[in-house]
Amino acid sequence: MEKILITGSNGLIGRHLANYLSSRNYEVRHLSRKKDFNKQHHYFWDLNSGLIEESALIGVDHIIHLAGAGIAEKRWTAKRKKEIIDSRVKSAQLLFKEVNKMNVKPKTFISASAIGSYGAVTNDKIFTEDDEPGNDFQGEVCQQWEFYSRKFSELGIRNIQLRFGVVFSKNGGALPKMMLPIKLCIGSALGSGNQFLPWVHIDDVLKIIEWSILNGNLSGPYNVVAPEYKTYKEFVKAIADKLGRLLFMPNVPSFFLKLILGEMSQIILEGSRISSKKIVDSGYIFNFPTLDSALSNLLSKT
C-alpha cells in the first residue's frame, strides 16, 4: 500500500481527495496545523516554528501539497497578500527542508497551483503551460508557489504543478455561491459577463491527481480545466436553465464590484480561455468535459 501525505486536507480539494485516495487503497496521511492525537495518520506541522512531525515523512511515497490561504476569502490588504504568499511559499520551503534533512525520497511531489498563473486578463488568447506568468498579484503568487515546487527536482524527486481552474462541487466551493442568487431569482452575470470562467468538476480534479501519481512520465505544470470554454454569462444561464429559473436582473456593474472587493474583484471580472490539451495529450480522458454534463451531475438529487 503506497503512502500519500496531503497538506491542506481540510480544504475543498483536500477533503474530497483524502476520501477518494483512501477508497483507492492508499494510506493517506494528513499534515495539519492542529494537533489531533485521536485520529490515525494525522500529523502536526507549524510554519512559524518550522516544525513537522518527522514520522509524517518516514516511508512516504508521494506528497500532495494543497495548503494555502484562500485567495478569494478576504479583501487583498497588504497583510492579506503577505499571508497568501507566505502560506504557500513557507510551507513548500519547510517541506523541502525536512525532506532534504531527513534524506527521505518520495517518488513524487505534487503541488497545487492555479490558472491565476497567467494573470487576470480577458482577451482572445488561449493560454498554455508554456506561457509566461502574469505580471499581477495572482501571477506573482503562482510563480513563487511553483518555484519552490520545482526545487524538489534538486533532490531527484519528480515534481508536478497542477494549475486548477474553478473547482465545481456539490459541497462547498464556487458553485453553491453562484447558485444561491439564481435560486432566489436575483441571479445575474458579473461585470460584462464576457469574461471566461475556466472550470473543472471535482471528480476530474481527483482523478487527474491520481493520474499524476500513476504516470511517472508526467512532470512540470499542467492546466486542470475542462476542455470546454464558457463565459460567465453562459455559466449563469446554464445554471438557471438547470434550476428552472428565469434571469431578468441586469449585470452587476464592474465598478460596484471593484468598490466592494477592491483589487480582488479581478478574480471574477477577468478571465481568458485556458487550454487543457497537455493533460489530454498525456492520455487523460475527462469524465465531465462539458458544462452541461457537469451541471447535470452536480445538480442531480441523487
Protein backbone atom coordinates (compact mmCIF):
# COMPACT_ATOMS: atom_id res chain seq x y z
CA MET A 1 0.00 0.00 0.00
CA GLU A 2 1.50 3.32 -1.07
CA LYS A 3 1.62 6.13 1.46
CA ILE A 4 0.48 9.63 0.49
CA LEU A 5 0.95 12.75 2.61
CA ILE A 6 -1.57 15.56 1.97
CA THR A 7 -1.24 19.13 3.18
CA GLY A 8 -4.37 21.27 3.18
CA SER A 9 -6.61 18.25 3.67
CA ASN A 10 -9.30 20.40 5.28
CA GLY A 11 -9.86 22.40 2.10
CA LEU A 12 -12.37 21.63 -0.65
CA ILE A 13 -9.99 19.55 -2.77
CA GLY A 14 -8.19 18.06 0.22
CA ARG A 15 -11.34 16.71 1.87
CA HIS A 16 -12.54 15.02 -1.31
CA LEU A 17 -9.05 13.80 -2.18
CA ALA A 18 -8.42 12.13 1.17
CA ASN A 19 -11.65 10.16 0.89
CA TYR A 20 -11.04 9.29 -2.75
CA LEU A 21 -7.48 8.04 -2.26
CA SER A 22 -8.47 6.04 0.84
CA SER A 23 -11.13 4.33 -1.26
CA ARG A 24 -8.43 3.53 -3.83
CA ASN A 25 -6.39 1.63 -1.23
CA TYR A 26 -3.74 4.27 -0.48
CA GLU A 27 -2.65 5.04 3.06
CA VAL A 28 -3.48 8.73 3.42
CA ARG A 29 -1.58 10.87 5.90
CA HIS A 30 -2.77 14.34 6.88
CA LEU A 31 -0.46 17.22 7.76
CA SER A 32 -2.38 19.73 9.87
CA ARG A 33 -1.74 22.87 11.92
CA LYS A 34 -3.94 21.43 14.68
CA LYS A 35 -2.79 18.53 16.79
CA ASP A 36 -5.26 15.65 16.87
CA PHE A 37 -3.77 12.61 18.52
CA ASN A 38 -7.08 10.75 18.40
CA LYS A 39 -7.10 10.46 14.60
CA GLN A 40 -4.98 7.90 12.80
CA HIS A 41 -2.40 9.19 10.30
CA HIS A 42 -2.83 12.83 11.39
CA TYR A 43 0.41 14.73 11.90
CA PHE A 44 1.27 18.22 13.09
CA TRP A 45 3.26 20.99 11.46
CA ASP A 46 3.89 24.64 12.36
CA LEU A 47 5.17 27.06 9.75
CA ASN A 48 6.13 29.72 12.29
CA SER A 49 8.40 27.39 14.26
CA GLY A 50 9.47 25.37 11.21
CA LEU A 51 8.29 22.11 12.71
CA ILE A 52 6.98 18.93 11.06
CA GLU A 53 6.42 15.67 12.88
CA GLU A 54 9.13 13.54 11.34
CA SER A 55 7.01 10.39 11.38
CA ALA A 56 4.75 12.04 8.78
CA LEU A 57 7.53 11.80 6.21
CA ILE A 58 9.04 8.43 7.03
CA GLY A 59 8.25 5.95 4.26
CA VAL A 60 6.01 8.37 2.35
CA ASP A 61 5.72 7.64 -1.39
CA HIS A 62 4.02 10.82 -2.60
CA ILE A 63 3.44 14.31 -1.20
CA ILE A 64 0.43 16.33 -2.38
CA HIS A 65 0.81 19.94 -1.30
CA LEU A 66 -2.55 21.74 -1.29
CA ALA A 67 -2.08 24.05 1.70
CA GLY A 68 -2.55 27.78 1.25
CA ALA A 69 -4.72 30.64 2.49
CA GLY A 70 -7.82 31.12 0.34
CA ILE A 71 -7.13 33.73 -2.29
CA ALA A 72 -10.77 34.83 -2.53
CA GLU A 73 -11.73 34.68 1.15
CA LYS A 74 -10.73 38.19 2.25
CA ARG A 75 -10.02 41.59 0.72
CA TRP A 76 -6.43 41.91 -0.50
CA THR A 77 -4.83 44.19 2.03
CA ALA A 78 -1.03 44.26 2.17
CA LYS A 79 -1.23 41.98 5.22
CA ARG A 80 -3.54 39.53 3.47
CA LYS A 81 -1.35 39.40 0.36
CA LYS A 82 1.64 38.50 2.51
CA GLU A 83 -0.40 35.81 4.25
CA ILE A 84 -1.48 34.32 0.89
CA ILE A 85 2.09 34.16 -0.39
CA ASP A 86 3.69 33.01 2.87
CA SER A 87 1.16 30.22 3.39
CA ARG A 88 2.22 28.74 0.05
CA VAL A 89 5.92 29.58 -0.09
CA LYS A 90 6.90 28.94 3.52
CA SER A 91 5.03 25.64 3.59
CA ALA A 92 6.77 24.42 0.43
CA GLN A 93 10.13 25.61 1.79
CA LEU A 94 9.56 23.73 5.04
CA LEU A 95 8.62 20.53 3.25
CA PHE A 96 11.72 20.81 1.06
CA LYS A 97 13.98 21.45 4.05
CA GLU A 98 12.64 18.49 6.03
CA VAL A 99 12.69 16.06 3.11
CA ASN A 100 16.29 17.07 2.43
CA LYS A 101 17.34 16.93 6.09
CA MET A 102 15.76 13.54 6.74
CA ASN A 103 17.10 12.14 3.47
CA VAL A 104 13.73 10.66 2.60
CA LYS A 105 12.89 10.41 -1.06
CA PRO A 106 9.25 10.30 -2.09
CA LYS A 107 8.61 9.37 -5.70
CA THR A 108 6.52 12.43 -6.42
CA PHE A 109 5.87 15.94 -5.15
CA ILE A 110 2.58 17.33 -6.50
CA SER A 111 1.82 20.95 -5.77
CA ALA A 112 -1.40 22.83 -6.26
CA SER A 113 -1.18 25.98 -8.34
CA ALA A 114 -3.82 27.94 -10.22
CA ILE A 115 -4.79 29.33 -13.60
CA GLY A 116 -4.12 32.70 -11.97
CA SER A 117 -0.58 31.99 -13.12
CA TYR A 118 -1.48 33.64 -16.43
CA GLY A 119 -2.77 36.79 -14.76
CA ALA A 120 -6.18 38.41 -14.62
CA VAL A 121 -6.88 39.23 -18.26
CA THR A 122 -9.71 38.83 -20.73
CA ASN A 123 -8.61 38.51 -24.33
CA ASP A 124 -8.68 36.21 -27.35
CA LYS A 125 -5.58 34.25 -26.37
CA ILE A 126 -5.80 30.60 -25.30
CA PHE A 127 -3.18 30.16 -22.58
CA THR A 128 -1.00 27.06 -22.39
CA GLU A 129 1.55 25.87 -19.86
CA ASP A 130 4.34 27.41 -21.97
CA ASP A 131 3.06 30.95 -21.46
CA GLU A 132 4.82 33.35 -19.13
CA PRO A 133 3.23 34.19 -15.76
CA GLY A 134 1.09 37.28 -15.47
CA ASN A 135 2.55 40.46 -14.01
CA ASP A 136 -0.17 40.96 -11.39
CA PHE A 137 -0.65 39.59 -7.87
CA GLN A 138 -2.13 36.26 -8.97
CA GLY A 139 0.74 35.70 -11.36
CA GLU A 140 3.25 36.53 -8.63
CA VAL A 141 1.64 34.12 -6.17
CA CYS A 142 1.66 31.23 -8.63
CA GLN A 143 5.17 31.98 -9.81
CA GLN A 144 6.59 31.78 -6.28
CA TRP A 145 4.41 28.78 -5.42
CA GLU A 146 5.66 26.81 -8.42
CA PHE A 147 9.28 27.86 -7.97
CA TYR A 148 9.52 26.07 -4.65
CA SER A 149 7.70 23.06 -6.02
CA ARG A 150 10.28 22.74 -8.80
CA LYS A 151 13.10 22.77 -6.24
CA PHE A 152 12.25 19.16 -5.39
CA SER A 153 13.89 18.21 -8.68
CA GLU A 154 17.21 19.10 -6.99
CA LEU A 155 16.59 16.09 -4.75
CA GLY A 156 15.81 13.83 -7.70
CA ILE A 157 12.08 13.91 -6.94
CA ARG A 158 9.57 14.14 -9.80
CA ASN A 159 7.51 17.27 -9.32
CA ILE A 160 4.23 18.40 -10.87
CA GLN A 161 2.38 21.70 -10.62
CA LEU A 162 -1.36 21.40 -11.17
CA ARG A 163 -2.91 24.72 -12.21
CA PHE A 164 -6.51 24.38 -11.07
CA GLY A 165 -9.38 26.28 -12.59
CA VAL A 166 -12.55 27.00 -10.61
CA VAL A 167 -13.45 23.68 -8.97
CA PHE A 168 -17.14 22.77 -9.05
CA SER A 169 -18.52 20.54 -6.32
CA LYS A 170 -21.90 19.93 -4.72
CA ASN A 171 -20.48 20.71 -1.31
CA GLY A 172 -18.55 23.94 -1.00
CA GLY A 173 -16.56 26.00 -3.46
CA ALA A 174 -17.89 28.35 -6.13
CA LEU A 175 -20.96 26.51 -7.44
CA PRO A 176 -23.25 26.84 -4.38
CA LYS A 177 -22.37 30.54 -4.19
CA MET A 178 -23.26 31.02 -7.85
CA MET A 179 -26.49 29.07 -7.43
CA LEU A 180 -27.89 30.92 -4.43
CA PRO A 181 -28.88 34.23 -6.11
CA ILE A 182 -30.20 32.31 -9.12
CA LYS A 183 -32.42 30.20 -6.84
CA LEU A 184 -33.69 33.45 -5.30
CA CYS A 185 -34.39 34.83 -8.80
CA ILE A 186 -31.87 37.63 -8.39
CA GLY A 187 -29.04 35.98 -10.28
CA SER A 188 -27.14 37.82 -13.00
CA ALA A 189 -23.78 37.95 -14.71
CA LEU A 190 -20.94 39.88 -13.09
CA GLY A 191 -19.32 42.75 -14.92
CA SER A 192 -19.54 42.42 -18.70
CA GLY A 193 -20.28 38.69 -18.42
CA ASN A 194 -17.92 38.16 -21.37
CA GLN A 195 -15.00 37.04 -19.20
CA PHE A 196 -14.24 33.33 -19.47
CA LEU A 197 -14.51 31.10 -16.42
CA PRO A 198 -12.15 28.12 -16.69
CA TRP A 199 -13.70 25.40 -14.56
CA VAL A 200 -13.35 21.73 -13.68
CA HIS A 201 -15.54 19.11 -11.97
CA ILE A 202 -14.21 17.91 -8.61
CA ASP A 203 -14.22 14.29 -9.86
CA ASP A 204 -11.81 15.19 -12.66
CA VAL A 205 -9.59 17.03 -10.17
CA LEU A 206 -9.30 13.89 -8.03
CA LYS A 207 -8.67 11.61 -10.98
CA ILE A 208 -6.07 13.93 -12.52
CA ILE A 209 -4.20 13.96 -9.21
CA GLU A 210 -4.22 10.15 -9.16
CA TRP A 211 -3.28 10.15 -12.87
CA SER A 212 -0.26 12.28 -11.93
CA ILE A 213 0.73 9.77 -9.26
CA LEU A 214 0.41 6.74 -11.51
CA ASN A 215 2.08 8.15 -14.62
CA GLY A 216 5.77 8.55 -13.95
CA ASN A 217 6.37 10.38 -17.21
CA LEU A 218 4.33 13.41 -16.10
CA SER A 219 6.27 16.39 -14.73
CA GLY A 220 6.07 20.15 -14.70
CA PRO A 221 2.91 22.28 -14.98
CA TYR A 222 -0.49 21.05 -16.17
CA ASN A 223 -3.66 23.05 -16.52
CA VAL A 224 -6.52 21.30 -14.72
CA VAL A 225 -9.53 22.75 -16.53
CA ALA A 226 -12.33 21.22 -18.57
CA PRO A 227 -11.78 21.39 -22.34
CA GLU A 228 -14.95 23.41 -22.98
CA TYR A 229 -14.76 27.21 -22.88
CA LYS A 230 -17.64 29.16 -21.34
CA THR A 231 -18.14 32.83 -20.44
CA TYR A 232 -19.58 33.94 -17.13
CA LYS A 233 -22.93 34.86 -18.66
CA GLU A 234 -23.11 31.43 -20.32
CA PHE A 235 -22.48 29.88 -16.91
CA VAL A 236 -25.24 31.83 -15.23
CA LYS A 237 -27.71 30.96 -17.98
CA ALA A 238 -26.77 27.26 -17.90
CA ILE A 239 -27.26 27.10 -14.11
CA ALA A 240 -30.56 28.97 -14.35
CA ASP A 241 -31.80 26.58 -17.04
CA LYS A 242 -30.89 23.55 -14.92
CA LEU A 243 -32.67 25.07 -11.91
CA GLY A 244 -35.69 26.14 -13.93
CA ARG A 245 -35.21 29.82 -13.04
CA LEU A 246 -35.55 32.94 -15.17
CA LEU A 247 -32.84 35.57 -15.43
CA PHE A 248 -34.14 39.12 -15.58
CA MET A 249 -31.74 41.10 -13.38
CA PRO A 250 -29.16 43.36 -15.09
CA ASN A 251 -25.49 42.52 -14.87
CA VAL A 252 -23.78 43.58 -11.65
CA PRO A 253 -21.66 46.60 -12.70
CA SER A 254 -17.90 46.24 -12.61
CA PHE A 255 -17.42 49.48 -10.71
CA PHE A 256 -19.65 48.22 -7.90
CA LEU A 257 -17.64 45.00 -7.51
CA LYS A 258 -14.38 46.96 -7.60
CA LEU A 259 -15.73 49.26 -4.88
CA ILE A 260 -16.74 46.33 -2.66
CA LEU A 261 -13.87 43.94 -3.32
CA GLY A 262 -11.04 46.22 -4.38
CA GLU A 263 -8.20 44.58 -6.29
CA MET A 264 -9.62 41.14 -5.50
CA SER A 265 -12.51 41.86 -7.91
CA GLN A 266 -10.21 40.91 -10.79
CA ILE A 267 -10.75 37.25 -9.88
CA ILE A 268 -14.36 37.42 -11.07
CA LEU A 269 -14.22 40.29 -13.55
CA GLU A 270 -11.42 38.93 -15.75
CA GLY A 271 -10.78 35.55 -17.34
CA SER A 272 -9.41 34.07 -20.55
CA ARG A 273 -9.51 30.64 -22.12
CA ILE A 274 -7.08 28.08 -20.68
CA SER A 275 -6.00 25.02 -22.65
CA SER A 276 -6.29 21.51 -21.23
CA LYS A 277 -4.53 19.98 -24.25
CA LYS A 278 -1.38 18.99 -22.36
CA ILE A 279 -3.16 16.81 -19.81
CA VAL A 280 -5.41 15.36 -22.54
CA ASP A 281 -2.34 14.56 -24.67
CA SER A 282 -0.93 12.64 -21.70
CA GLY A 283 -3.86 10.21 -22.09
CA TYR A 284 -6.27 11.57 -19.51
CA ILE A 285 -9.95 11.44 -20.52
CA PHE A 286 -12.26 13.89 -18.76
CA ASN A 287 -15.31 12.43 -17.05
CA PHE A 288 -17.08 15.76 -17.40
CA PRO A 289 -15.75 17.59 -20.46
CA THR A 290 -18.80 19.86 -20.89
CA LEU A 291 -20.62 22.23 -18.59
CA ASP A 292 -23.92 20.52 -19.36
CA SER A 293 -22.62 17.12 -18.25
CA ALA A 294 -21.03 18.60 -15.12
CA LEU A 295 -24.13 20.51 -14.04
CA SER A 296 -26.37 17.53 -14.76
CA ASN A 297 -24.25 15.51 -12.37
CA LEU A 298 -23.74 18.14 -9.68
CA LEU A 299 -27.32 19.38 -9.61
CA SER A 300 -28.90 15.95 -9.59
CA LYS A 301 -30.71 14.97 -6.40
CA THR A 302 -29.07 11.56 -6.16
